[in-house]
Amino acid sequence: MQVPSKKTLKIAMLQVPIKPEVPANIQWIKENGSNTSDVLILPEMWNCPYENEAMQKAVSYQEQSIAALQELSLKNQQVVVGSIPYQEGNTIYNMCFIFDKGSEITHYAKMHLMTFQGQKVYSEKEVFTPGNTFVTFSVKGVKMGVLLCYDIRFPEPSRLLALEDIQ
Protein backbone atom coordinates (compact mmCIF):
# COMPACT_ATOMS: atom_id res chain seq x y z
CA MET A 1 0.00 0.00 0.00
CA GLN A 2 1.36 3.38 -1.01
CA VAL A 3 1.06 6.18 1.58
CA PRO A 4 -0.20 9.43 0.05
CA SER A 5 2.27 12.29 0.17
CA LYS A 6 1.54 15.14 2.54
CA LYS A 7 0.76 18.49 1.01
CA THR A 8 1.66 21.69 2.79
CA LEU A 9 -0.22 24.93 2.35
CA LYS A 10 0.42 28.22 4.03
CA ILE A 11 -2.95 29.83 4.82
CA ALA A 12 -3.28 33.35 6.23
CA MET A 13 -6.35 35.12 7.55
CA LEU A 14 -6.44 38.90 7.33
CA GLN A 15 -8.30 40.75 10.07
CA VAL A 16 -9.66 43.93 8.52
CA PRO A 17 -10.50 46.90 10.80
CA ILE A 18 -13.87 47.62 9.18
CA LYS A 19 -14.77 51.29 8.77
CA PRO A 20 -18.18 52.66 7.76
CA GLU A 21 -16.75 53.87 4.42
CA VAL A 22 -16.41 51.09 1.84
CA PRO A 23 -13.64 52.86 -0.15
CA ALA A 24 -11.53 53.06 3.03
CA ASN A 25 -11.89 49.29 3.56
CA ILE A 26 -10.96 48.58 -0.06
CA GLN A 27 -7.92 50.81 0.24
CA TRP A 28 -6.91 49.14 3.51
CA ILE A 29 -6.73 45.66 1.98
CA LYS A 30 -4.78 47.01 -0.98
CA GLU A 31 -2.22 48.50 1.39
CA ASN A 32 -2.14 45.73 4.02
CA GLY A 33 -3.00 42.52 2.21
CA SER A 34 0.48 41.56 1.01
CA ASN A 35 1.88 38.34 2.44
CA THR A 36 3.54 35.15 1.27
CA SER A 37 0.77 32.65 1.96
CA ASP A 38 -0.65 30.26 -0.61
CA VAL A 39 -4.17 31.24 0.43
CA LEU A 40 -5.31 34.55 1.94
CA ILE A 41 -8.72 34.56 3.60
CA LEU A 42 -10.54 37.81 4.28
CA PRO A 43 -13.51 38.00 6.66
CA GLU A 44 -17.13 37.74 5.68
CA MET A 45 -18.26 41.21 4.54
CA TRP A 46 -14.72 42.57 4.68
CA ASN A 47 -15.69 45.73 2.80
CA CYS A 48 -18.46 47.07 5.06
CA PRO A 49 -19.93 46.95 8.57
CA TYR A 50 -22.19 43.95 9.20
CA GLU A 51 -25.37 46.02 9.31
CA ASN A 52 -28.19 45.69 6.81
CA GLU A 53 -28.19 49.32 5.71
CA ALA A 54 -24.40 49.37 5.30
CA MET A 55 -24.45 46.11 3.32
CA GLN A 56 -27.13 47.45 0.98
CA LYS A 57 -25.06 50.60 0.37
CA ALA A 58 -21.88 48.54 -0.18
CA VAL A 59 -23.43 46.90 -3.25
CA SER A 60 -22.62 50.04 -5.22
CA TYR A 61 -18.92 49.25 -4.62
CA GLN A 62 -19.05 45.62 -5.70
CA GLU A 63 -16.94 46.10 -8.82
CA GLN A 64 -14.23 47.99 -6.91
CA SER A 65 -14.29 45.32 -4.18
CA ILE A 66 -13.94 42.50 -6.69
CA ALA A 67 -11.13 44.35 -8.45
CA ALA A 68 -9.29 44.73 -5.13
CA LEU A 69 -9.51 40.96 -4.48
CA GLN A 70 -8.30 40.29 -8.01
CA GLU A 71 -5.39 42.74 -7.70
CA LEU A 72 -4.35 41.30 -4.34
CA SER A 73 -4.39 37.77 -5.76
CA LEU A 74 -2.35 38.79 -8.79
CA LYS A 75 0.14 40.88 -6.81
CA ASN A 76 0.85 38.10 -4.30
CA GLN A 77 0.47 35.21 -6.78
CA GLN A 78 -1.93 33.46 -4.42
CA VAL A 79 -5.51 32.41 -3.90
CA VAL A 80 -7.61 35.14 -2.25
CA VAL A 81 -11.01 34.45 -0.68
CA GLY A 82 -13.45 37.10 0.57
CA SER A 83 -17.19 37.77 0.78
CA ILE A 84 -19.01 40.99 -0.11
CA PRO A 85 -22.61 42.07 -0.76
CA TYR A 86 -23.12 41.31 -4.44
CA GLN A 87 -26.11 42.19 -6.59
CA GLU A 88 -27.32 40.29 -9.65
CA GLY A 89 -30.40 41.94 -11.11
CA ASN A 90 -32.65 42.74 -8.14
CA THR A 91 -31.16 40.03 -5.95
CA ILE A 92 -28.39 40.60 -3.39
CA TYR A 93 -26.21 37.72 -2.19
CA ASN A 94 -23.56 37.37 0.48
CA MET A 95 -21.08 36.30 -2.18
CA CYS A 96 -17.65 34.83 -1.58
CA PHE A 97 -15.25 35.26 -4.49
CA ILE A 98 -12.16 33.09 -4.96
CA PHE A 99 -9.31 34.37 -7.12
CA ASP A 100 -6.17 32.49 -8.12
CA LYS A 101 -3.28 34.59 -9.39
CA GLY A 102 -5.68 37.31 -10.51
CA SER A 103 -8.33 35.12 -12.16
CA GLU A 104 -11.70 34.33 -10.62
CA ILE A 105 -11.90 30.56 -10.22
CA THR A 106 -15.30 30.37 -8.55
CA HIS A 107 -17.78 32.15 -6.29
CA TYR A 108 -20.19 30.98 -3.62
CA ALA A 109 -23.40 32.58 -2.30
CA LYS A 110 -24.00 31.90 1.40
CA MET A 111 -26.80 29.34 1.76
CA HIS A 112 -27.83 29.60 5.40
CA LEU A 113 -28.84 33.10 6.37
CA MET A 114 -28.85 33.95 10.06
CA THR A 115 -31.65 35.39 12.17
CA PHE A 116 -30.71 36.58 15.65
CA GLN A 117 -33.15 37.47 18.40
CA GLY A 118 -31.63 39.65 21.10
CA GLN A 119 -32.84 43.05 22.24
CA LYS A 120 -33.93 43.41 18.65
CA VAL A 121 -34.39 40.92 15.83
CA TYR A 122 -31.71 40.89 13.15
CA SER A 123 -32.12 38.90 9.95
CA GLU A 124 -29.78 38.58 6.99
CA LYS A 125 -32.85 37.67 4.93
CA GLU A 126 -33.82 41.35 5.00
CA VAL A 127 -30.91 41.96 2.61
CA PHE A 128 -29.70 38.68 1.14
CA THR A 129 -31.13 35.83 -0.88
CA PRO A 130 -29.61 32.45 -0.04
CA GLY A 131 -27.47 30.66 -2.59
CA ASN A 132 -28.16 27.08 -3.67
CA THR A 133 -24.88 25.68 -4.99
CA PHE A 134 -21.75 24.40 -3.26
CA VAL A 135 -18.39 25.09 -4.86
CA THR A 136 -14.98 23.49 -4.67
CA PHE A 137 -11.57 24.57 -5.87
CA SER A 138 -7.99 23.33 -5.63
CA VAL A 139 -4.83 24.96 -4.35
CA LYS A 140 -1.58 23.08 -5.03
CA GLY A 141 -3.51 19.84 -5.42
CA VAL A 142 -5.52 20.30 -2.20
CA LYS A 143 -9.27 20.35 -2.82
CA MET A 144 -11.22 22.90 -0.77
CA GLY A 145 -14.82 23.98 -0.33
CA VAL A 146 -16.48 27.15 0.90
CA LEU A 147 -18.91 27.68 3.75
CA LEU A 148 -19.61 31.10 5.28
CA CYS A 149 -20.18 31.70 8.97
CA TYR A 150 -23.67 30.42 9.84
CA ASP A 151 -23.37 27.70 7.16
CA ILE A 152 -21.15 25.70 9.54
CA ARG A 153 -24.03 25.23 12.00
CA PHE A 154 -25.64 22.78 9.59
CA PRO A 155 -23.96 19.36 9.24
CA GLU A 156 -25.28 18.49 5.79
CA PRO A 157 -23.18 21.03 3.83
CA SER A 158 -19.99 19.77 5.49
CA ARG A 159 -21.00 16.17 4.77
CA LEU A 160 -21.72 16.95 1.12
CA LEU A 161 -18.38 18.73 0.73
CA ALA A 162 -16.60 15.78 2.41
CA LEU A 163 -18.19 13.49 -0.18
CA GLU A 164 -16.49 15.70 -2.79
CA ASP A 165 -13.10 14.73 -1.29
CA ILE A 166 -12.44 18.02 0.44
CA GLN A 167 -9.16 17.68 2.33
C-alpha atoms as a PDB file:
ATOM      1  CA  MET A   1       0.000   0.000   0.000  1.00  0.00           C
ATOM      2  CA  GLN A   2       1.358   3.382  -1.005  1.00  0.00           C
ATOM      3  CA  VAL A   3       1.063   6.181   1.581  1.00  0.00           C
ATOM      4  CA  PRO A   4      -0.199   9.434   0.050  1.00  0.00           C
ATOM      5  CA  SER A   5       2.270  12.294   0.167  1.00  0.00           C
ATOM      6  CA  LYS A   6       1.537  15.141   2.537  1.00  0.00           C
ATOM      7  CA  LYS A   7       0.764  18.493   1.007  1.00  0.00           C
ATOM      8  CA  THR A   8       1.657  21.693   2.790  1.00  0.00           C
ATOM      9  CA  LEU A   9      -0.222  24.932   2.347  1.00  0.00           C
ATOM     10  CA  LYS A  10       0.419  28.221   4.029  1.00  0.00           C
ATOM     11  CA  ILE A  11      -2.950  29.832   4.822  1.00  0.00           C
ATOM     12  CA  ALA A  12      -3.277  33.352   6.234  1.00  0.00           C
ATOM     13  CA  MET A  13      -6.355  35.116   7.549  1.00  0.00           C
ATOM     14  CA  LEU A  14      -6.436  38.895   7.329  1.00  0.00           C
ATOM     15  CA  GLN A  15      -8.297  40.747  10.071  1.00  0.00           C
ATOM     16  CA  VAL A  16      -9.664  43.932   8.522  1.00  0.00           C
ATOM     17  CA  PRO A  17     -10.497  46.900  10.797  1.00  0.00           C
ATOM     18  CA  ILE A  18     -13.869  47.621   9.179  1.00  0.00           C
ATOM     19  CA  LYS A  19     -14.767  51.290   8.770  1.00  0.00           C
ATOM     20  CA  PRO A  20     -18.179  52.661   7.763  1.00  0.00           C
ATOM     21  CA  GLU A  21     -16.753  53.871   4.424  1.00  0.00           C
ATOM     22  CA  VAL A  22     -16.407  51.092   1.845  1.00  0.00           C
ATOM     23  CA  PRO A  23     -13.638  52.857  -0.147  1.00  0.00           C
ATOM     24  CA  ALA A  24     -11.526  53.059   3.030  1.00  0.00           C
ATOM     25  CA  ASN A  25     -11.890  49.286   3.559  1.00  0.00           C
ATOM     26  CA  ILE A  26     -10.964  48.584  -0.059  1.00  0.00           C
ATOM     27  CA  GLN A  27      -7.917  50.813   0.240  1.00  0.00           C
ATOM     28  CA  TRP A  28      -6.914  49.137   3.513  1.00  0.00           C
ATOM     29  CA  ILE A  29      -6.731  45.662   1.979  1.00  0.00           C
ATOM     30  CA  LYS A  30      -4.782  47.006  -0.985  1.00  0.00           C
ATOM     31  CA  GLU A  31      -2.222  48.497   1.394  1.00  0.00           C
ATOM     32  CA  ASN A  32      -2.137  45.733   4.022  1.00  0.00           C
ATOM     33  CA  GLY A  33      -2.996  42.518   2.212  1.00  0.00           C
ATOM     34  CA  SER A  34       0.475  41.561   1.007  1.00  0.00           C
ATOM     35  CA  ASN A  35       1.877  38.340   2.444  1.00  0.00           C
ATOM     36  CA  THR A  36       3.544  35.152   1.270  1.00  0.00           C
ATOM     37  CA  SER A  37       0.765  32.649   1.955  1.00  0.00           C
ATOM     38  CA  ASP A  38      -0.651  30.255  -0.612  1.00  0.00           C
ATOM     39  CA  VAL A  39      -4.174  31.245   0.433  1.00  0.00           C
ATOM     40  CA  LEU A  40      -5.307  34.554   1.938  1.00  0.00           C
ATOM     41  CA  ILE A  41      -8.725  34.563   3.596  1.00  0.00           C
ATOM     42  CA  LEU A  42     -10.539  37.814   4.283  1.00  0.00           C
ATOM     43  CA  PRO A  43     -13.513  38.003   6.659  1.00  0.00           C
ATOM     44  CA  GLU A  44     -17.129  37.737   5.681  1.00  0.00           C
ATOM     45  CA  MET A  45     -18.258  41.207   4.536  1.00  0.00           C
ATOM     46  CA  TRP A  46     -14.718  42.572   4.681  1.00  0.00           C
ATOM     47  CA  ASN A  47     -15.686  45.726   2.804  1.00  0.00           C
ATOM     48  CA  CYS A  48     -18.460  47.073   5.064  1.00  0.00           C
ATOM     49  CA  PRO A  49     -19.934  46.946   8.565  1.00  0.00           C
ATOM     50  CA  TYR A  50     -22.188  43.951   9.205  1.00  0.00           C
ATOM     51  CA  GLU A  51     -25.372  46.016   9.310  1.00  0.00           C
ATOM     52  CA  ASN A  52     -28.187  45.685   6.809  1.00  0.00           C
ATOM     53  CA  GLU A  53     -28.191  49.322   5.705  1.00  0.00           C
ATOM     54  CA  ALA A  54     -24.398  49.371   5.296  1.00  0.00           C
ATOM     55  CA  MET A  55     -24.450  46.108   3.316  1.00  0.00           C
ATOM     56  CA  GLN A  56     -27.132  47.450   0.978  1.00  0.00           C
ATOM     57  CA  LYS A  57     -25.061  50.597   0.370  1.00  0.00           C
ATOM     58  CA  ALA A  58     -21.885  48.544  -0.182  1.00  0.00           C
ATOM     59  CA  VAL A  59     -23.435  46.900  -3.249  1.00  0.00           C
ATOM     60  CA  SER A  60     -22.617  50.044  -5.215  1.00  0.00           C
ATOM     61  CA  TYR A  61     -18.915  49.254  -4.618  1.00  0.00           C
ATOM     62  CA  GLN A  62     -19.053  45.623  -5.700  1.00  0.00           C
ATOM     63  CA  GLU A  63     -16.937  46.096  -8.824  1.00  0.00           C
ATOM     64  CA  GLN A  64     -14.226  47.989  -6.912  1.00  0.00           C
ATOM     65  CA  SER A  65     -14.286  45.320  -4.182  1.00  0.00           C
ATOM     66  CA  ILE A  66     -13.938  42.496  -6.690  1.00  0.00           C
ATOM     67  CA  ALA A  67     -11.126  44.348  -8.451  1.00  0.00           C
ATOM     68  CA  ALA A  68      -9.289  44.732  -5.125  1.00  0.00           C
ATOM     69  CA  LEU A  69      -9.514  40.964  -4.478  1.00  0.00           C
ATOM     70  CA  GLN A  70      -8.297  40.286  -8.007  1.00  0.00           C
ATOM     71  CA  GLU A  71      -5.392  42.740  -7.696  1.00  0.00           C
ATOM     72  CA  LEU A  72      -4.351  41.299  -4.340  1.00  0.00           C
ATOM     73  CA  SER A  73      -4.391  37.773  -5.757  1.00  0.00           C
ATOM     74  CA  LEU A  74      -2.346  38.790  -8.790  1.00  0.00           C
ATOM     75  CA  LYS A  75       0.137  40.879  -6.812  1.00  0.00           C
ATOM     76  CA  ASN A  76       0.846  38.100  -4.299  1.00  0.00           C
ATOM     77  CA  GLN A  77       0.473  35.209  -6.780  1.00  0.00           C
ATOM     78  CA  GLN A  78      -1.933  33.460  -4.419  1.00  0.00           C
ATOM     79  CA  VAL A  79      -5.512  32.414  -3.901  1.00  0.00           C
ATOM     80  CA  VAL A  80      -7.607  35.140  -2.246  1.00  0.00           C
ATOM     81  CA  VAL A  81     -11.007  34.451  -0.677  1.00  0.00           C
ATOM     82  CA  GLY A  82     -13.454  37.099   0.568  1.00  0.00           C
ATOM     83  CA  SER A  83     -17.191  37.767   0.785  1.00  0.00           C
ATOM     84  CA  ILE A  84     -19.008  40.989  -0.111  1.00  0.00           C
ATOM     85  CA  PRO A  85     -22.605  42.069  -0.762  1.00  0.00           C
ATOM     86  CA  TYR A  86     -23.124  41.308  -4.439  1.00  0.00           C
ATOM     87  CA  GLN A  87     -26.115  42.189  -6.588  1.00  0.00           C
ATOM     88  CA  GLU A  88     -27.319  40.285  -9.654  1.00  0.00           C
ATOM     89  CA  GLY A  89     -30.402  41.937 -11.115  1.00  0.00           C
ATOM     90  CA  ASN A  90     -32.650  42.739  -8.145  1.00  0.00           C
ATOM     91  CA  THR A  91     -31.159  40.027  -5.949  1.00  0.00           C
ATOM     92  CA  ILE A  92     -28.395  40.605  -3.391  1.00  0.00           C
ATOM     93  CA  TYR A  93     -26.209  37.721  -2.190  1.00  0.00           C
ATOM     94  CA  ASN A  94     -23.561  37.373   0.483  1.00  0.00           C
ATOM     95  CA  MET A  95     -21.081  36.299  -2.182  1.00  0.00           C
ATOM     96  CA  CYS A  96     -17.654  34.831  -1.581  1.00  0.00           C
ATOM     97  CA  PHE A  97     -15.249  35.263  -4.487  1.00  0.00           C
ATOM     98  CA  ILE A  98     -12.163  33.092  -4.956  1.00  0.00           C
ATOM     99  CA  PHE A  99      -9.312  34.370  -7.120  1.00  0.00           C
ATOM    100  CA  ASP A 100      -6.174  32.485  -8.116  1.00  0.00           C
ATOM    101  CA  LYS A 101      -3.280  34.589  -9.389  1.00  0.00           C
ATOM    102  CA  GLY A 102      -5.680  37.309 -10.505  1.00  0.00           C
ATOM    103  CA  SER A 103      -8.330  35.123 -12.162  1.00  0.00           C
ATOM    104  CA  GLU A 104     -11.699  34.328 -10.622  1.00  0.00           C
ATOM    105  CA  ILE A 105     -11.904  30.565 -10.218  1.00  0.00           C
ATOM    106  CA  THR A 106     -15.302  30.370  -8.549  1.00  0.00           C
ATOM    107  CA  HIS A 107     -17.776  32.146  -6.291  1.00  0.00           C
ATOM    108  CA  TYR A 108     -20.193  30.977  -3.620  1.00  0.00           C
ATOM    109  CA  ALA A 109     -23.397  32.575  -2.305  1.00  0.00           C
ATOM    110  CA  LYS A 110     -23.996  31.896   1.395  1.00  0.00           C
ATOM    111  CA  MET A 111     -26.796  29.343   1.757  1.00  0.00           C
ATOM    112  CA  HIS A 112     -27.828  29.597   5.396  1.00  0.00           C
ATOM    113  CA  LEU A 113     -28.836  33.105   6.373  1.00  0.00           C
ATOM    114  CA  MET A 114     -28.855  33.949  10.061  1.00  0.00           C
ATOM    115  CA  THR A 115     -31.645  35.386  12.174  1.00  0.00           C
ATOM    116  CA  PHE A 116     -30.710  36.582  15.646  1.00  0.00           C
ATOM    117  CA  GLN A 117     -33.153  37.468  18.400  1.00  0.00           C
ATOM    118  CA  GLY A 118     -31.627  39.651  21.100  1.00  0.00           C
ATOM    119  CA  GLN A 119     -32.837  43.047  22.239  1.00  0.00           C
ATOM    120  CA  LYS A 120     -33.931  43.412  18.653  1.00  0.00           C
ATOM    121  CA  VAL A 121     -34.389  40.923  15.833  1.00  0.00           C
ATOM    122  CA  TYR A 122     -31.715  40.886  13.148  1.00  0.00           C
ATOM    123  CA  SER A 123     -32.117  38.904   9.948  1.00  0.00           C
ATOM    124  CA  GLU A 124     -29.778  38.579   6.986  1.00  0.00           C
ATOM    125  CA  LYS A 125     -32.855  37.673   4.931  1.00  0.00           C
ATOM    126  CA  GLU A 126     -33.818  41.347   5.003  1.00  0.00           C
ATOM    127  CA  VAL A 127     -30.906  41.963   2.614  1.00  0.00           C
ATOM    128  CA  PHE A 128     -29.704  38.681   1.136  1.00  0.00           C
ATOM    129  CA  THR A 129     -31.130  35.834  -0.877  1.00  0.00           C
ATOM    130  CA  PRO A 130     -29.609  32.445  -0.035  1.00  0.00           C
ATOM    131  CA  GLY A 131     -27.472  30.659  -2.588  1.00  0.00           C
ATOM    132  CA  ASN A 132     -28.160  27.085  -3.671  1.00  0.00           C
ATOM    133  CA  THR A 133     -24.879  25.678  -4.988  1.00  0.00           C
ATOM    134  CA  PHE A 134     -21.748  24.400  -3.262  1.00  0.00           C
ATOM    135  CA  VAL A 135     -18.389  25.094  -4.865  1.00  0.00           C
ATOM    136  CA  THR A 136     -14.976  23.488  -4.671  1.00  0.00           C
ATOM    137  CA  PHE A 137     -11.569  24.571  -5.875  1.00  0.00           C
ATOM    138  CA  SER A 138      -7.991  23.334  -5.627  1.00  0.00           C
ATOM    139  CA  VAL A 139      -4.830  24.959  -4.349  1.00  0.00           C
ATOM    140  CA  LYS A 140      -1.579  23.084  -5.034  1.00  0.00           C
ATOM    141  CA  GLY A 141      -3.511  19.844  -5.425  1.00  0.00           C
ATOM    142  CA  VAL A 142      -5.520  20.300  -2.201  1.00  0.00           C
ATOM    143  CA  LYS A 143      -9.266  20.346  -2.822  1.00  0.00           C
ATOM    144  CA  MET A 144     -11.217  22.898  -0.773  1.00  0.00           C
ATOM    145  CA  GLY A 145     -14.820  23.979  -0.333  1.00  0.00           C
ATOM    146  CA  VAL A 146     -16.480  27.153   0.897  1.00  0.00           C
ATOM    147  CA  LEU A 147     -18.910  27.683   3.750  1.00  0.00           C
ATOM    148  CA  LEU A 148     -19.613  31.097   5.277  1.00  0.00           C
ATOM    149  CA  CYS A 149     -20.176  31.701   8.969  1.00  0.00           C
ATOM    150  CA  TYR A 150     -23.669  30.420   9.838  1.00  0.00           C
ATOM    151  CA  ASP A 151     -23.367  27.696   7.156  1.00  0.00           C
ATOM    152  CA  ILE A 152     -21.151  25.699   9.538  1.00  0.00           C
ATOM    153  CA  ARG A 153     -24.026  25.227  11.995  1.00  0.00           C
ATOM    154  CA  PHE A 154     -25.638  22.781   9.587  1.00  0.00           C
ATOM    155  CA  PRO A 155     -23.961  19.362   9.237  1.00  0.00           C
ATOM    156  CA  GLU A 156     -25.281  18.494   5.785  1.00  0.00           C
ATOM    157  CA  PRO A 157     -23.184  21.030   3.830  1.00  0.00           C
ATOM    158  CA  SER A 158     -19.993  19.771   5.486  1.00  0.00           C
ATOM    159  CA  ARG A 159     -20.998  16.173   4.766  1.00  0.00           C
ATOM    160  CA  LEU A 160     -21.718  16.952   1.121  1.00  0.00           C
ATOM    161  CA  LEU A 161     -18.380  18.727   0.734  1.00  0.00           C
ATOM    162  CA  ALA A 162     -16.604  15.784   2.406  1.00  0.00           C
ATOM    163  CA  LEU A 163     -18.192  13.492  -0.181  1.00  0.00           C
ATOM    164  CA  GLU A 164     -16.491  15.701  -2.793  1.00  0.00           C
ATOM    165  CA  ASP A 165     -13.097  14.735  -1.289  1.00  0.00           C
ATOM    166  CA  ILE A 166     -12.444  18.025   0.443  1.00  0.00           C
ATOM    167  CA  GLN A 167      -9.160  17.682   2.326  1.00  0.00           C
END
